[in-house]
Amino acid sequence: MQIKFVSNVKADVTADIVYMMCPMHLLKLDEMMKKIDKGQILEILTDYDGALEDIPQWCEKTGNQFIGLDEDEDYYKFYVKKLT
């Protein structure tokens, strides 16, 4: 999957998991997606490089939309739209 870089995405909810070990990025993603409404956008902040593959794959498997990511100096910002 091609990683799409985005900027100025307006997220409805943010989950900050910077400095948390694997597999927290997927556990937190799954937990937060259950709490938001269909159509809302979740922003995940993480410094874990493995998330570059894991989060887009998770979106494909679950039927949610991977909008893209933005890079900060110290972490990534992933944007996922709840579709299911």
N, C-alpha and C. Protein backbone atom coordinates (compact mmCIF):
# COMPACT_ATOMS: atom_id res chain seq x y z
N MET A 1 0.84 -1.19 0.00
CA MET A 1 0.00 0.00 0.00
C MET A 1 0.89 1.25 0.00
N GLN A 2 0.53 2.19 -0.82
CA GLN A 2 1.25 3.46 -0.91
C GLN A 2 0.84 4.36 0.26
N ILE A 3 1.82 4.89 0.97
CA ILE A 3 1.53 5.80 2.08
C ILE A 3 1.24 7.18 1.52
N LYS A 4 0.13 7.73 1.92
CA LYS A 4 -0.28 9.05 1.45
C LYS A 4 0.01 10.07 2.57
N PHE A 5 0.76 11.10 2.22
CA PHE A 5 1.04 12.16 3.18
C PHE A 5 -0.01 13.25 3.05
N VAL A 6 -0.54 13.68 4.18
CA VAL A 6 -1.59 14.69 4.21
C VAL A 6 -1.20 15.78 5.20
N SER A 7 -1.89 16.90 5.11
CA SER A 7 -1.69 17.96 6.09
C SER A 7 -3.03 18.64 6.33
N ASN A 8 -3.14 19.27 7.46
CA ASN A 8 -4.34 20.02 7.83
C ASN A 8 -5.61 19.17 7.88
N VAL A 9 -5.48 17.92 8.32
CA VAL A 9 -6.66 17.07 8.50
C VAL A 9 -7.29 17.43 9.85
N LYS A 10 -8.60 17.62 9.87
CA LYS A 10 -9.30 17.97 11.10
C LYS A 10 -9.82 16.68 11.73
N ALA A 11 -9.16 16.27 12.82
CA ALA A 11 -9.57 15.05 13.51
C ALA A 11 -10.64 15.35 14.56
N ASP A 12 -11.53 14.38 14.76
CA ASP A 12 -12.55 14.51 15.80
C ASP A 12 -12.01 14.09 17.16
N VAL A 13 -11.10 13.11 17.16
CA VAL A 13 -10.53 12.56 18.39
C VAL A 13 -9.05 12.28 18.14
N THR A 14 -8.23 12.50 19.18
CA THR A 14 -6.79 12.21 19.09
C THR A 14 -6.40 11.21 20.16
N ALA A 15 -5.59 10.23 19.77
CA ALA A 15 -5.01 9.26 20.71
C ALA A 15 -3.49 9.43 20.67
N ASP A 16 -2.92 9.84 21.78
CA ASP A 16 -1.47 10.05 21.88
C ASP A 16 -0.83 8.81 22.49
N ILE A 17 -0.14 8.03 21.65
CA ILE A 17 0.53 6.83 22.14
C ILE A 17 2.02 6.88 21.85
N VAL A 18 2.56 8.10 21.78
CA VAL A 18 4.00 8.27 21.60
C VAL A 18 4.70 7.63 22.79
N TYR A 19 5.78 6.95 22.54
CA TYR A 19 6.61 6.24 23.53
C TYR A 19 6.00 4.95 24.04
N MET A 20 4.86 4.53 23.51
CA MET A 20 4.29 3.24 23.91
C MET A 20 4.81 2.15 22.99
N MET A 21 5.02 0.99 23.56
CA MET A 21 5.59 -0.13 22.82
C MET A 21 4.53 -0.84 21.97
N CYS A 22 5.01 -1.55 20.96
CA CYS A 22 4.17 -2.41 20.14
C CYS A 22 3.56 -3.47 21.05
N PRO A 23 2.34 -3.84 20.93
CA PRO A 23 1.35 -3.53 19.89
C PRO A 23 0.34 -2.45 20.31
N MET A 24 0.75 -1.52 21.17
CA MET A 24 -0.20 -0.52 21.68
C MET A 24 -0.86 0.30 20.57
N HIS A 25 -0.14 0.55 19.49
CA HIS A 25 -0.73 1.36 18.41
C HIS A 25 -1.98 0.69 17.83
N LEU A 26 -1.96 -0.62 17.73
CA LEU A 26 -3.13 -1.33 17.20
C LEU A 26 -4.21 -1.52 18.26
N LEU A 27 -3.80 -1.79 19.50
CA LEU A 27 -4.78 -1.95 20.57
C LEU A 27 -5.53 -0.65 20.82
N LYS A 28 -4.80 0.45 20.86
CA LYS A 28 -5.42 1.76 21.09
C LYS A 28 -6.30 2.17 19.91
N LEU A 29 -5.83 1.88 18.70
CA LEU A 29 -6.61 2.17 17.50
C LEU A 29 -7.95 1.45 17.56
N ASP A 30 -7.91 0.18 17.85
CA ASP A 30 -9.13 -0.63 17.93
C ASP A 30 -10.05 -0.10 19.03
N GLU A 31 -9.49 0.21 20.19
CA GLU A 31 -10.27 0.73 21.32
C GLU A 31 -10.93 2.06 20.98
N MET A 32 -10.18 2.97 20.40
CA MET A 32 -10.70 4.31 20.10
C MET A 32 -11.75 4.27 18.98
N MET A 33 -11.58 3.40 18.00
CA MET A 33 -12.54 3.31 16.91
C MET A 33 -13.91 2.85 17.41
N LYS A 34 -13.92 2.06 18.48
CA LYS A 34 -15.20 1.61 19.06
C LYS A 34 -15.92 2.76 19.75
N LYS A 35 -15.17 3.80 20.13
CA LYS A 35 -15.76 4.91 20.89
C LYS A 35 -16.25 6.06 20.02
N ILE A 36 -15.81 6.10 18.76
CA ILE A 36 -16.22 7.21 17.91
C ILE A 36 -17.36 6.78 16.97
N ASP A 37 -18.03 7.77 16.41
CA ASP A 37 -19.16 7.51 15.53
C ASP A 37 -18.71 7.32 14.08
N LYS A 38 -19.52 6.61 13.33
CA LYS A 38 -19.27 6.42 11.91
C LYS A 38 -19.11 7.78 11.23
N GLY A 39 -18.07 7.93 10.42
CA GLY A 39 -17.82 9.19 9.73
C GLY A 39 -16.82 10.10 10.44
N GLN A 40 -16.53 9.80 11.71
CA GLN A 40 -15.56 10.61 12.44
C GLN A 40 -14.14 10.18 12.12
N ILE A 41 -13.20 11.11 12.36
CA ILE A 41 -11.79 10.86 12.05
C ILE A 41 -10.99 10.78 13.35
N LEU A 42 -10.20 9.72 13.45
CA LEU A 42 -9.30 9.51 14.59
C LEU A 42 -7.88 9.86 14.17
N GLU A 43 -7.20 10.63 15.00
CA GLU A 43 -5.79 10.94 14.79
C GLU A 43 -5.00 10.14 15.82
N ILE A 44 -3.99 9.41 15.35
CA ILE A 44 -3.14 8.63 16.25
C ILE A 44 -1.72 9.17 16.17
N LEU A 45 -1.19 9.56 17.32
CA LEU A 45 0.19 10.05 17.39
C LEU A 45 1.06 8.92 17.92
N THR A 46 2.07 8.54 17.14
CA THR A 46 2.97 7.47 17.56
C THR A 46 4.35 7.68 16.95
N ASP A 47 5.35 7.20 17.66
CA ASP A 47 6.72 7.27 17.14
C ASP A 47 7.19 5.88 16.68
N TYR A 48 6.29 4.93 16.63
CA TYR A 48 6.62 3.55 16.27
C TYR A 48 6.64 3.38 14.75
N ASP A 49 7.81 3.07 14.19
CA ASP A 49 7.96 2.92 12.73
C ASP A 49 7.10 1.80 12.15
N GLY A 50 6.87 0.76 12.92
CA GLY A 50 6.06 -0.36 12.44
C GLY A 50 4.63 0.04 12.12
N ALA A 51 4.18 1.15 12.69
CA ALA A 51 2.82 1.63 12.42
C ALA A 51 2.64 2.04 10.97
N LEU A 52 3.74 2.35 10.29
CA LEU A 52 3.65 2.74 8.87
C LEU A 52 3.04 1.64 8.03
N GLU A 53 3.26 0.40 8.40
CA GLU A 53 2.64 -0.73 7.71
C GLU A 53 1.39 -1.21 8.43
N ASP A 54 1.47 -1.26 9.76
CA ASP A 54 0.40 -1.87 10.55
C ASP A 54 -0.93 -1.13 10.46
N ILE A 55 -0.90 0.19 10.57
CA ILE A 55 -2.17 0.94 10.60
C ILE A 55 -2.91 0.89 9.27
N PRO A 56 -2.23 1.13 8.13
CA PRO A 56 -2.96 0.97 6.85
C PRO A 56 -3.50 -0.46 6.65
N GLN A 57 -2.74 -1.47 7.07
CA GLN A 57 -3.21 -2.86 6.95
C GLN A 57 -4.42 -3.10 7.84
N TRP A 58 -4.40 -2.54 9.04
CA TRP A 58 -5.53 -2.67 9.95
C TRP A 58 -6.79 -2.07 9.31
N CYS A 59 -6.63 -0.93 8.67
CA CYS A 59 -7.77 -0.27 8.02
C CYS A 59 -8.34 -1.14 6.91
N GLU A 60 -7.46 -1.74 6.11
CA GLU A 60 -7.91 -2.63 5.04
C GLU A 60 -8.70 -3.81 5.60
N LYS A 61 -8.19 -4.41 6.66
CA LYS A 61 -8.82 -5.59 7.26
C LYS A 61 -10.16 -5.26 7.90
N THR A 62 -10.30 -4.06 8.44
CA THR A 62 -11.51 -3.72 9.19
C THR A 62 -12.53 -2.93 8.38
N GLY A 63 -12.16 -2.51 7.18
CA GLY A 63 -13.09 -1.76 6.34
C GLY A 63 -13.19 -0.29 6.68
N ASN A 64 -12.18 0.23 7.38
CA ASN A 64 -12.13 1.66 7.68
C ASN A 64 -11.18 2.35 6.71
N GLN A 65 -11.27 3.66 6.62
CA GLN A 65 -10.48 4.41 5.62
C GLN A 65 -9.21 4.98 6.23
N PHE A 66 -8.08 4.58 5.65
CA PHE A 66 -6.81 5.20 6.02
C PHE A 66 -6.68 6.47 5.19
N ILE A 67 -6.81 7.62 5.83
CA ILE A 67 -6.75 8.89 5.11
C ILE A 67 -5.32 9.22 4.72
N GLY A 68 -4.40 9.00 5.64
CA GLY A 68 -3.00 9.29 5.38
C GLY A 68 -2.27 9.63 6.66
N LEU A 69 -1.04 10.14 6.50
CA LEU A 69 -0.28 10.50 7.68
C LEU A 69 0.48 11.78 7.45
N ASP A 70 0.80 12.40 8.55
CA ASP A 70 1.60 13.62 8.57
C ASP A 70 2.78 13.32 9.49
N GLU A 71 3.93 13.89 9.21
CA GLU A 71 5.11 13.66 10.04
C GLU A 71 5.47 14.90 10.82
N ASP A 72 5.60 14.73 12.12
CA ASP A 72 6.10 15.78 12.98
C ASP A 72 7.58 15.47 13.19
N GLU A 73 8.28 16.33 13.88
CA GLU A 73 9.70 16.10 14.11
C GLU A 73 9.96 14.83 14.92
N ASP A 74 9.08 14.54 15.89
CA ASP A 74 9.32 13.42 16.80
C ASP A 74 8.35 12.26 16.67
N TYR A 75 7.30 12.39 15.88
CA TYR A 75 6.31 11.33 15.78
C TYR A 75 5.50 11.46 14.49
N TYR A 76 4.73 10.41 14.22
CA TYR A 76 3.82 10.38 13.07
C TYR A 76 2.42 10.71 13.56
N LYS A 77 1.61 11.27 12.66
CA LYS A 77 0.19 11.50 12.92
C LYS A 77 -0.59 10.75 11.85
N PHE A 78 -1.25 9.69 12.26
CA PHE A 78 -2.06 8.87 11.35
C PHE A 78 -3.52 9.31 11.45
N TYR A 79 -4.20 9.30 10.30
CA TYR A 79 -5.61 9.70 10.27
C TYR A 79 -6.44 8.55 9.70
N VAL A 80 -7.44 8.13 10.49
CA VAL A 80 -8.31 7.01 10.12
C VAL A 80 -9.76 7.46 10.25
N LYS A 81 -10.52 7.24 9.19
CA LYS A 81 -11.96 7.56 9.21
C LYS A 81 -12.76 6.30 9.45
N LYS A 82 -13.66 6.36 10.40
CA LYS A 82 -14.50 5.21 10.72
C LYS A 82 -15.59 5.05 9.68
N LEU A 83 -15.60 3.90 9.03
CA LEU A 83 -16.61 3.63 8.00
C LEU A 83 -17.55 2.49 8.40
N THR A 84 -17.14 1.69 9.37
CA THR A 84 -17.95 0.52 9.73
C THR A 84 -18.52 0.63 11.13
